[in-house]
Amino acid sequence: MRSLRLNLLGMEIADAEGGDVQGGTVNGDIIVRNLKVRTLDLHSVSGDMRLADVETDRATMRSINGDIEYAGRLARTGRYEFNSNSGDIRVTPASDTGFDIEANSFSGSVRSDYAVKINEGRGQGFQRGLNRMIRGSSGNGGAALILQSFSGDITILKR
């Protein structure tokens, strides 16, 4: 690991490689750049999480009050679970790997720049009339994206 900086206002990880990474803040942002690890588990009570150029097989990110942004490669058999009680979630896959998605927001919207095929037998793909839930597959499926926000928007963006 090249750079890990912790302080009372947050955490920053840059230009690092390793096995399993866990961390969190009570009141501060988490910034991650150029990280390659097997698993990533981050949490914040009050702060945003911004991850760019990340490569991991499994990521779990939870925030009570803050946005979550993930830009990185999705492993074909990877699992990515992002949950924010009061904040937006933005995912920008860096590869052409297909993904299976389950995304829902109680009072926000859910939008994907990728075409999503609705999975038969698993409920509707879009529910409650305001695009607050998506359940389906993009491409040939593969990586599992589980995205939940109580009062924020969820967006899957193309690079």
N, C-alpha and C. Protein backbone atom coordinates (compact mmCIF):
# COMPACT_ATOMS: atom_id res chain seq x y z
N MET A 1 0.85 -1.15 0.00
CA MET A 1 0.00 0.00 0.00
C MET A 1 0.90 1.23 0.00
N ARG A 2 0.65 2.15 -0.90
CA ARG A 2 1.47 3.35 -1.01
C ARG A 2 1.00 4.50 -0.14
N SER A 3 -0.30 4.73 -0.10
CA SER A 3 -0.77 5.92 0.59
C SER A 3 -2.08 5.67 1.32
N LEU A 4 -2.06 5.87 2.62
CA LEU A 4 -3.26 5.79 3.44
C LEU A 4 -3.19 6.95 4.41
N ARG A 5 -4.16 7.84 4.32
CA ARG A 5 -4.16 9.01 5.19
C ARG A 5 -5.47 9.06 5.96
N LEU A 6 -5.36 9.03 7.27
CA LEU A 6 -6.53 9.10 8.14
C LEU A 6 -6.46 10.39 8.94
N ASN A 7 -7.60 11.03 9.12
CA ASN A 7 -7.67 12.19 10.01
C ASN A 7 -9.08 12.31 10.53
N LEU A 8 -9.31 13.27 11.40
CA LEU A 8 -10.64 13.43 11.99
C LEU A 8 -11.69 13.81 10.97
N LEU A 9 -11.27 14.34 9.83
CA LEU A 9 -12.23 14.79 8.83
C LEU A 9 -12.48 13.75 7.74
N GLY A 10 -11.79 12.64 7.77
CA GLY A 10 -12.05 11.63 6.77
C GLY A 10 -10.88 10.69 6.54
N MET A 11 -10.92 10.02 5.40
CA MET A 11 -9.91 9.03 5.07
C MET A 11 -9.63 9.11 3.57
N GLU A 12 -8.36 8.95 3.21
CA GLU A 12 -7.98 8.94 1.81
C GLU A 12 -7.02 7.78 1.55
N ILE A 13 -7.32 7.00 0.49
CA ILE A 13 -6.47 5.90 0.07
C ILE A 13 -6.14 6.14 -1.40
N ALA A 14 -4.85 6.10 -1.75
CA ALA A 14 -4.45 6.34 -3.15
C ALA A 14 -3.30 5.42 -3.54
N ASP A 15 -3.33 4.99 -4.82
CA ASP A 15 -2.24 4.21 -5.39
C ASP A 15 -1.86 3.02 -4.51
N ALA A 16 -2.84 2.16 -4.23
CA ALA A 16 -2.63 1.05 -3.31
C ALA A 16 -3.08 -0.27 -3.92
N GLU A 17 -2.51 -1.35 -3.39
CA GLU A 17 -2.83 -2.70 -3.83
C GLU A 17 -2.78 -3.60 -2.61
N GLY A 18 -3.66 -4.59 -2.55
CA GLY A 18 -3.63 -5.47 -1.39
C GLY A 18 -4.73 -6.51 -1.43
N GLY A 19 -4.97 -7.13 -0.27
CA GLY A 19 -5.97 -8.19 -0.15
C GLY A 19 -7.33 -7.66 0.21
N ASP A 20 -7.55 -7.46 1.52
CA ASP A 20 -8.83 -7.01 2.02
C ASP A 20 -8.66 -5.65 2.69
N VAL A 21 -9.55 -4.71 2.38
CA VAL A 21 -9.49 -3.37 2.97
C VAL A 21 -10.81 -3.08 3.66
N GLN A 22 -10.73 -2.66 4.94
CA GLN A 22 -11.90 -2.25 5.70
C GLN A 22 -11.61 -0.89 6.32
N GLY A 23 -12.63 -0.03 6.38
CA GLY A 23 -12.44 1.26 7.02
C GLY A 23 -13.73 2.02 7.12
N GLY A 24 -13.68 3.10 7.90
CA GLY A 24 -14.87 3.90 8.03
C GLY A 24 -14.60 5.20 8.75
N THR A 25 -15.58 6.08 8.68
CA THR A 25 -15.51 7.37 9.37
C THR A 25 -16.84 7.62 10.07
N VAL A 26 -16.79 8.42 11.11
CA VAL A 26 -18.01 8.86 11.77
C VAL A 26 -18.50 10.14 11.12
N ASN A 27 -17.58 11.07 10.88
CA ASN A 27 -17.95 12.35 10.30
C ASN A 27 -16.84 12.80 9.36
N GLY A 28 -16.90 12.36 8.13
CA GLY A 28 -15.89 12.74 7.16
C GLY A 28 -16.01 11.92 5.90
N ASP A 29 -15.44 12.45 4.84
CA ASP A 29 -15.49 11.79 3.54
C ASP A 29 -14.44 10.69 3.44
N ILE A 30 -14.73 9.73 2.57
CA ILE A 30 -13.78 8.67 2.22
C ILE A 30 -13.47 8.85 0.74
N ILE A 31 -12.19 9.07 0.43
CA ILE A 31 -11.74 9.26 -0.95
C ILE A 31 -10.78 8.13 -1.29
N VAL A 32 -11.05 7.42 -2.39
CA VAL A 32 -10.20 6.31 -2.82
C VAL A 32 -9.89 6.49 -4.30
N ARG A 33 -8.58 6.41 -4.65
CA ARG A 33 -8.15 6.53 -6.04
C ARG A 33 -7.12 5.45 -6.35
N ASN A 34 -7.28 4.85 -7.51
CA ASN A 34 -6.31 3.88 -8.01
C ASN A 34 -6.02 2.79 -6.97
N LEU A 35 -7.04 2.00 -6.69
CA LEU A 35 -6.95 0.93 -5.69
C LEU A 35 -7.25 -0.41 -6.34
N LYS A 36 -6.43 -1.42 -6.03
CA LYS A 36 -6.65 -2.77 -6.53
C LYS A 36 -6.55 -3.72 -5.34
N VAL A 37 -7.74 -4.27 -4.94
CA VAL A 37 -7.80 -5.17 -3.79
C VAL A 37 -8.80 -6.30 -4.07
N ARG A 38 -8.74 -7.32 -3.22
CA ARG A 38 -9.68 -8.43 -3.37
C ARG A 38 -11.06 -8.03 -2.85
N THR A 39 -11.14 -7.50 -1.62
CA THR A 39 -12.42 -7.06 -1.07
C THR A 39 -12.28 -5.67 -0.46
N LEU A 40 -13.39 -4.96 -0.47
CA LEU A 40 -13.42 -3.59 0.04
C LEU A 40 -14.69 -3.43 0.86
N ASP A 41 -14.55 -2.99 2.12
CA ASP A 41 -15.68 -2.80 3.02
C ASP A 41 -15.53 -1.44 3.69
N LEU A 42 -16.37 -0.47 3.29
CA LEU A 42 -16.27 0.89 3.81
C LEU A 42 -17.61 1.34 4.37
N HIS A 43 -17.55 2.17 5.42
CA HIS A 43 -18.79 2.69 6.00
C HIS A 43 -18.54 4.09 6.54
N SER A 44 -19.62 4.89 6.54
CA SER A 44 -19.56 6.25 7.05
C SER A 44 -20.90 6.62 7.66
N VAL A 45 -20.85 7.29 8.80
CA VAL A 45 -22.09 7.76 9.40
C VAL A 45 -22.53 9.03 8.69
N SER A 46 -21.63 9.99 8.56
CA SER A 46 -21.96 11.25 7.90
C SER A 46 -20.78 11.68 7.03
N GLY A 47 -20.84 11.34 5.78
CA GLY A 47 -19.78 11.70 4.84
C GLY A 47 -19.97 11.00 3.52
N ASP A 48 -19.44 11.62 2.48
CA ASP A 48 -19.52 11.04 1.14
C ASP A 48 -18.40 10.03 0.93
N MET A 49 -18.63 9.10 0.00
CA MET A 49 -17.60 8.14 -0.42
C MET A 49 -17.41 8.31 -1.92
N ARG A 50 -16.17 8.60 -2.32
CA ARG A 50 -15.86 8.78 -3.73
C ARG A 50 -14.71 7.84 -4.10
N LEU A 51 -15.01 6.87 -4.95
CA LEU A 51 -14.02 5.90 -5.37
C LEU A 51 -13.84 5.98 -6.87
N ALA A 52 -12.58 6.13 -7.32
CA ALA A 52 -12.28 6.23 -8.74
C ALA A 52 -11.12 5.30 -9.08
N ASP A 53 -11.20 4.69 -10.25
CA ASP A 53 -10.17 3.76 -10.72
C ASP A 53 -9.94 2.63 -9.72
N VAL A 54 -11.05 1.99 -9.32
CA VAL A 54 -11.01 0.91 -8.34
C VAL A 54 -11.18 -0.42 -9.06
N GLU A 55 -10.44 -1.42 -8.58
CA GLU A 55 -10.55 -2.77 -9.10
C GLU A 55 -10.64 -3.71 -7.91
N THR A 56 -11.83 -4.31 -7.73
CA THR A 56 -12.07 -5.23 -6.62
C THR A 56 -13.10 -6.27 -7.03
N ASP A 57 -13.02 -7.44 -6.42
CA ASP A 57 -13.97 -8.50 -6.71
C ASP A 57 -15.24 -8.38 -5.86
N ARG A 58 -15.13 -7.68 -4.74
CA ARG A 58 -16.27 -7.56 -3.83
C ARG A 58 -16.17 -6.22 -3.11
N ALA A 59 -17.25 -5.44 -3.16
CA ALA A 59 -17.26 -4.14 -2.48
C ALA A 59 -18.57 -3.98 -1.72
N THR A 60 -18.45 -3.54 -0.47
CA THR A 60 -19.60 -3.21 0.35
C THR A 60 -19.37 -1.80 0.88
N MET A 61 -20.32 -0.90 0.59
CA MET A 61 -20.21 0.48 1.07
C MET A 61 -21.55 0.89 1.66
N ARG A 62 -21.49 1.43 2.89
CA ARG A 62 -22.70 1.85 3.59
C ARG A 62 -22.51 3.25 4.15
N SER A 63 -23.52 4.10 3.95
CA SER A 63 -23.48 5.46 4.49
C SER A 63 -24.86 5.80 5.06
N ILE A 64 -24.87 6.37 6.25
CA ILE A 64 -26.14 6.82 6.82
C ILE A 64 -26.57 8.12 6.15
N ASN A 65 -25.62 9.08 6.06
CA ASN A 65 -25.94 10.38 5.49
C ASN A 65 -24.80 10.82 4.58
N GLY A 66 -24.84 10.38 3.33
CA GLY A 66 -23.81 10.76 2.38
C GLY A 66 -23.98 10.05 1.05
N ASP A 67 -23.38 10.66 0.02
CA ASP A 67 -23.42 10.07 -1.32
C ASP A 67 -22.37 8.99 -1.46
N ILE A 68 -22.63 8.06 -2.37
CA ILE A 68 -21.67 7.01 -2.72
C ILE A 68 -21.43 7.08 -4.22
N GLU A 69 -20.15 7.22 -4.62
CA GLU A 69 -19.77 7.22 -6.03
C GLU A 69 -18.71 6.15 -6.24
N TYR A 70 -18.97 5.24 -7.19
CA TYR A 70 -18.03 4.16 -7.50
C TYR A 70 -17.75 4.17 -8.99
N ALA A 71 -16.50 4.37 -9.37
CA ALA A 71 -16.08 4.29 -10.77
C ALA A 71 -14.94 3.29 -10.83
N GLY A 72 -15.19 2.16 -11.48
CA GLY A 72 -14.17 1.13 -11.54
C GLY A 72 -14.64 -0.09 -12.30
N ARG A 73 -13.74 -1.04 -12.37
CA ARG A 73 -13.99 -2.29 -13.07
C ARG A 73 -14.95 -3.15 -12.26
N LEU A 74 -15.86 -3.82 -12.96
CA LEU A 74 -16.74 -4.81 -12.33
C LEU A 74 -16.23 -6.20 -12.72
N ALA A 75 -15.88 -7.00 -11.73
CA ALA A 75 -15.43 -8.37 -11.99
C ALA A 75 -16.63 -9.21 -12.41
N ARG A 76 -16.44 -10.08 -13.37
CA ARG A 76 -17.54 -10.90 -13.90
C ARG A 76 -18.31 -11.63 -12.81
N THR A 77 -17.60 -12.14 -11.80
CA THR A 77 -18.26 -12.85 -10.70
C THR A 77 -18.29 -11.99 -9.44
N GLY A 78 -18.10 -10.70 -9.58
CA GLY A 78 -18.04 -9.80 -8.43
C GLY A 78 -19.39 -9.48 -7.84
N ARG A 79 -19.36 -8.95 -6.62
CA ARG A 79 -20.57 -8.54 -5.91
C ARG A 79 -20.32 -7.15 -5.34
N TYR A 80 -21.25 -6.22 -5.64
CA TYR A 80 -21.09 -4.82 -5.26
C TYR A 80 -22.38 -4.36 -4.58
N GLU A 81 -22.31 -4.13 -3.26
CA GLU A 81 -23.47 -3.73 -2.47
C GLU A 81 -23.25 -2.33 -1.93
N PHE A 82 -24.08 -1.38 -2.35
CA PHE A 82 -23.96 0.01 -1.93
C PHE A 82 -25.29 0.43 -1.32
N ASN A 83 -25.22 1.01 -0.12
CA ASN A 83 -26.43 1.39 0.60
C ASN A 83 -26.24 2.74 1.26
N SER A 84 -27.13 3.68 0.95
CA SER A 84 -27.12 4.99 1.59
C SER A 84 -28.52 5.31 2.08
N ASN A 85 -28.64 5.63 3.35
CA ASN A 85 -29.94 5.97 3.90
C ASN A 85 -30.42 7.32 3.35
N SER A 86 -29.54 8.29 3.35
CA SER A 86 -29.89 9.63 2.88
C SER A 86 -28.78 10.15 1.98
N GLY A 87 -28.76 9.71 0.74
CA GLY A 87 -27.74 10.14 -0.21
C GLY A 87 -27.92 9.45 -1.54
N ASP A 88 -27.31 10.04 -2.56
CA ASP A 88 -27.35 9.48 -3.91
C ASP A 88 -26.30 8.39 -4.08
N ILE A 89 -26.56 7.47 -5.01
CA ILE A 89 -25.59 6.43 -5.38
C ILE A 89 -25.36 6.54 -6.87
N ARG A 90 -24.08 6.65 -7.27
CA ARG A 90 -23.71 6.70 -8.69
C ARG A 90 -22.64 5.63 -8.95
N VAL A 91 -22.91 4.78 -9.94
CA VAL A 91 -21.97 3.72 -10.32
C VAL A 91 -21.60 3.93 -11.78
N THR A 92 -20.29 3.95 -12.05
CA THR A 92 -19.79 4.10 -13.42
C THR A 92 -18.84 2.94 -13.70
N PRO A 93 -19.35 1.86 -14.31
CA PRO A 93 -18.47 0.72 -14.63
C PRO A 93 -17.40 1.12 -15.64
N ALA A 94 -16.18 0.62 -15.40
CA ALA A 94 -15.06 0.96 -16.29
C ALA A 94 -14.80 -0.13 -17.32
N SER A 95 -15.61 -1.17 -17.31
CA SER A 95 -15.39 -2.26 -18.25
C SER A 95 -16.70 -2.60 -18.94
N ASP A 96 -16.61 -3.49 -19.92
CA ASP A 96 -17.80 -3.92 -20.65
C ASP A 96 -18.46 -5.13 -19.99
N THR A 97 -18.04 -5.48 -18.79
CA THR A 97 -18.63 -6.61 -18.10
C THR A 97 -20.12 -6.37 -17.88
N GLY A 98 -20.92 -7.35 -18.22
CA GLY A 98 -22.35 -7.24 -17.96
C GLY A 98 -22.61 -7.32 -16.47
N PHE A 99 -23.81 -6.98 -16.08
CA PHE A 99 -24.14 -7.04 -14.66
C PHE A 99 -25.60 -7.36 -14.46
N ASP A 100 -25.89 -7.96 -13.31
CA ASP A 100 -27.24 -8.17 -12.83
C ASP A 100 -27.48 -7.08 -11.80
N ILE A 101 -28.64 -6.44 -11.86
CA ILE A 101 -28.88 -5.31 -10.97
C ILE A 101 -30.18 -5.44 -10.21
N GLU A 102 -30.12 -5.07 -8.94
CA GLU A 102 -31.30 -4.87 -8.10
C GLU A 102 -31.08 -3.52 -7.44
N ALA A 103 -31.83 -2.52 -7.87
CA ALA A 103 -31.67 -1.17 -7.34
C ALA A 103 -33.02 -0.63 -6.94
N ASN A 104 -33.10 -0.01 -5.75
CA ASN A 104 -34.36 0.61 -5.37
C ASN A 104 -34.12 1.78 -4.44
N SER A 105 -35.04 2.75 -4.55
CA SER A 105 -35.03 3.94 -3.72
C SER A 105 -36.46 4.20 -3.28
N PHE A 106 -36.66 4.46 -2.00
CA PHE A 106 -38.01 4.69 -1.50
C PHE A 106 -38.56 6.02 -2.00
N SER A 107 -37.74 7.09 -1.97
CA SER A 107 -38.27 8.38 -2.40
C SER A 107 -37.40 9.08 -3.45
N GLY A 108 -36.48 8.35 -4.06
CA GLY A 108 -35.68 8.90 -5.15
C GLY A 108 -35.97 8.14 -6.43
N SER A 109 -35.21 8.45 -7.46
CA SER A 109 -35.41 7.76 -8.74
C SER A 109 -34.24 6.82 -9.01
N VAL A 110 -34.47 5.86 -9.90
CA VAL A 110 -33.44 4.91 -10.32
C VAL A 110 -33.34 5.00 -11.83
N ARG A 111 -32.09 5.20 -12.32
CA ARG A 111 -31.90 5.37 -13.76
C ARG A 111 -30.61 4.67 -14.19
N SER A 112 -30.65 4.04 -15.37
CA SER A 112 -29.47 3.38 -15.93
C SER A 112 -29.24 3.85 -17.35
N ASP A 113 -28.01 4.24 -17.66
CA ASP A 113 -27.63 4.56 -19.04
C ASP A 113 -27.48 3.28 -19.87
N TYR A 114 -27.40 2.12 -19.21
CA TYR A 114 -27.28 0.83 -19.88
C TYR A 114 -28.67 0.25 -20.11
N ALA A 115 -28.83 -0.45 -21.23
CA ALA A 115 -30.08 -1.17 -21.46
C ALA A 115 -30.17 -2.30 -20.44
N VAL A 116 -31.32 -2.42 -19.78
CA VAL A 116 -31.52 -3.45 -18.77
C VAL A 116 -32.68 -4.33 -19.20
N LYS A 117 -32.39 -5.63 -19.32
CA LYS A 117 -33.43 -6.61 -19.66
C LYS A 117 -34.07 -7.07 -18.35
N ILE A 118 -35.39 -6.96 -18.31
CA ILE A 118 -36.13 -7.34 -17.12
C ILE A 118 -36.10 -8.85 -16.97
N ASN A 119 -35.73 -9.34 -15.78
CA ASN A 119 -35.67 -10.77 -15.52
C ASN A 119 -37.06 -11.32 -15.25
N GLU A 120 -37.46 -12.32 -16.00
CA GLU A 120 -38.76 -12.96 -15.83
C GLU A 120 -38.81 -13.67 -14.48
N GLY A 121 -39.97 -13.63 -13.84
CA GLY A 121 -40.17 -14.38 -12.61
C GLY A 121 -39.58 -13.72 -11.37
N ARG A 122 -39.00 -12.53 -11.51
CA ARG A 122 -38.39 -11.88 -10.34
C ARG A 122 -39.10 -10.57 -10.02
N GLY A 123 -40.31 -10.41 -10.49
CA GLY A 123 -41.04 -9.18 -10.24
C GLY A 123 -40.83 -8.20 -11.37
N GLN A 124 -41.52 -7.10 -11.30
CA GLN A 124 -41.41 -6.09 -12.34
C GLN A 124 -40.04 -5.44 -12.32
N GLY A 125 -39.63 -4.97 -13.48
CA GLY A 125 -38.37 -4.27 -13.57
C GLY A 125 -38.47 -2.85 -13.07
N PHE A 126 -39.55 -2.18 -13.39
CA PHE A 126 -39.77 -0.82 -12.91
C PHE A 126 -41.07 -0.84 -12.12
N GLN A 127 -41.05 -0.30 -10.91
CA GLN A 127 -42.24 -0.38 -10.07
C GLN A 127 -42.63 0.98 -9.51
N ARG A 128 -43.80 1.06 -8.99
CA ARG A 128 -44.37 2.20 -8.30
C ARG A 128 -44.52 3.43 -9.19
N GLY A 129 -44.45 3.26 -10.50
CA GLY A 129 -44.77 4.33 -11.43
C GLY A 129 -43.75 5.43 -11.56
N LEU A 130 -42.77 5.51 -10.70
CA LEU A 130 -41.81 6.61 -10.75
C LEU A 130 -40.37 6.12 -10.94
N ASN A 131 -40.19 4.96 -11.53
CA ASN A 131 -38.86 4.39 -11.75
C ASN A 131 -38.05 4.36 -10.46
N ARG A 132 -38.63 3.81 -9.44
CA ARG A 132 -37.94 3.71 -8.15
C ARG A 132 -37.30 2.36 -7.92
N MET A 133 -37.43 1.45 -8.90
CA MET A 133 -36.81 0.14 -8.76
C MET A 133 -36.44 -0.41 -10.14
N ILE A 134 -35.28 -1.03 -10.22
CA ILE A 134 -34.87 -1.76 -11.42
C ILE A 134 -34.39 -3.13 -10.95
N ARG A 135 -34.85 -4.16 -11.64
CA ARG A 135 -34.40 -5.53 -11.40
C ARG A 135 -34.21 -6.18 -12.75
N GLY A 136 -32.97 -6.51 -13.10
CA GLY A 136 -32.74 -7.11 -14.40
C GLY A 136 -31.26 -7.33 -14.68
N SER A 137 -30.94 -7.44 -15.98
CA SER A 137 -29.57 -7.72 -16.40
C SER A 137 -29.18 -6.80 -17.54
N SER A 138 -27.92 -6.42 -17.55
CA SER A 138 -27.36 -5.66 -18.65
C SER A 138 -26.28 -6.52 -19.31
N GLY A 139 -26.26 -6.52 -20.62
CA GLY A 139 -25.33 -7.40 -21.32
C GLY A 139 -25.67 -8.85 -21.03
N ASN A 140 -24.65 -9.66 -20.79
CA ASN A 140 -24.87 -11.07 -20.47
C ASN A 140 -24.96 -11.31 -18.98
N GLY A 141 -25.19 -10.26 -18.21
CA GLY A 141 -25.23 -10.42 -16.75
C GLY A 141 -23.84 -10.63 -16.23
N GLY A 142 -23.75 -11.10 -15.02
CA GLY A 142 -22.44 -11.37 -14.43
C GLY A 142 -22.30 -10.74 -13.07
N ALA A 143 -21.61 -9.61 -12.99
CA ALA A 143 -21.39 -8.93 -11.72
C ALA A 143 -22.73 -8.59 -11.09
N ALA A 144 -22.83 -8.73 -9.78
CA ALA A 144 -24.07 -8.43 -9.06
C ALA A 144 -23.98 -7.03 -8.46
N LEU A 145 -24.91 -6.15 -8.86
CA LEU A 145 -25.02 -4.81 -8.29
C LEU A 145 -26.28 -4.76 -7.43
N ILE A 146 -26.11 -4.52 -6.13
CA ILE A 146 -27.24 -4.37 -5.22
C ILE A 146 -27.14 -2.96 -4.66
N LEU A 147 -28.07 -2.09 -5.07
CA LEU A 147 -28.00 -0.66 -4.75
C LEU A 147 -29.29 -0.24 -4.05
N GLN A 148 -29.15 0.39 -2.88
CA GLN A 148 -30.33 0.82 -2.13
C GLN A 148 -30.10 2.19 -1.53
N SER A 149 -31.12 3.05 -1.68
CA SER A 149 -31.10 4.36 -1.02
C SER A 149 -32.51 4.65 -0.55
N PHE A 150 -32.65 5.13 0.67
CA PHE A 150 -33.97 5.46 1.16
C PHE A 150 -34.46 6.77 0.55
N SER A 151 -33.63 7.81 0.60
CA SER A 151 -34.09 9.11 0.08
C SER A 151 -33.08 9.74 -0.86
N GLY A 152 -32.53 8.96 -1.76
CA GLY A 152 -31.60 9.50 -2.75
C GLY A 152 -31.82 8.84 -4.09
N ASP A 153 -31.24 9.45 -5.12
CA ASP A 153 -31.32 8.91 -6.47
C ASP A 153 -30.22 7.88 -6.69
N ILE A 154 -30.50 6.91 -7.57
CA ILE A 154 -29.52 5.89 -7.96
C ILE A 154 -29.34 5.99 -9.46
N THR A 155 -28.07 6.11 -9.89
CA THR A 155 -27.77 6.25 -11.31
C THR A 155 -26.61 5.34 -11.70
N ILE A 156 -26.77 4.59 -12.79
CA ILE A 156 -25.70 3.80 -13.38
C ILE A 156 -25.33 4.51 -14.67
N LEU A 157 -24.09 5.00 -14.73
CA LEU A 157 -23.64 5.86 -15.82
C LEU A 157 -22.66 5.14 -16.74
N LYS A 158 -22.71 5.48 -18.03
CA LYS A 158 -21.68 5.03 -18.97
C LYS A 158 -20.55 6.03 -18.95
N ARG A 159 -19.34 5.52 -19.08
CA ARG A 159 -18.16 6.37 -19.12
C ARG A 159 -18.05 7.11 -20.41
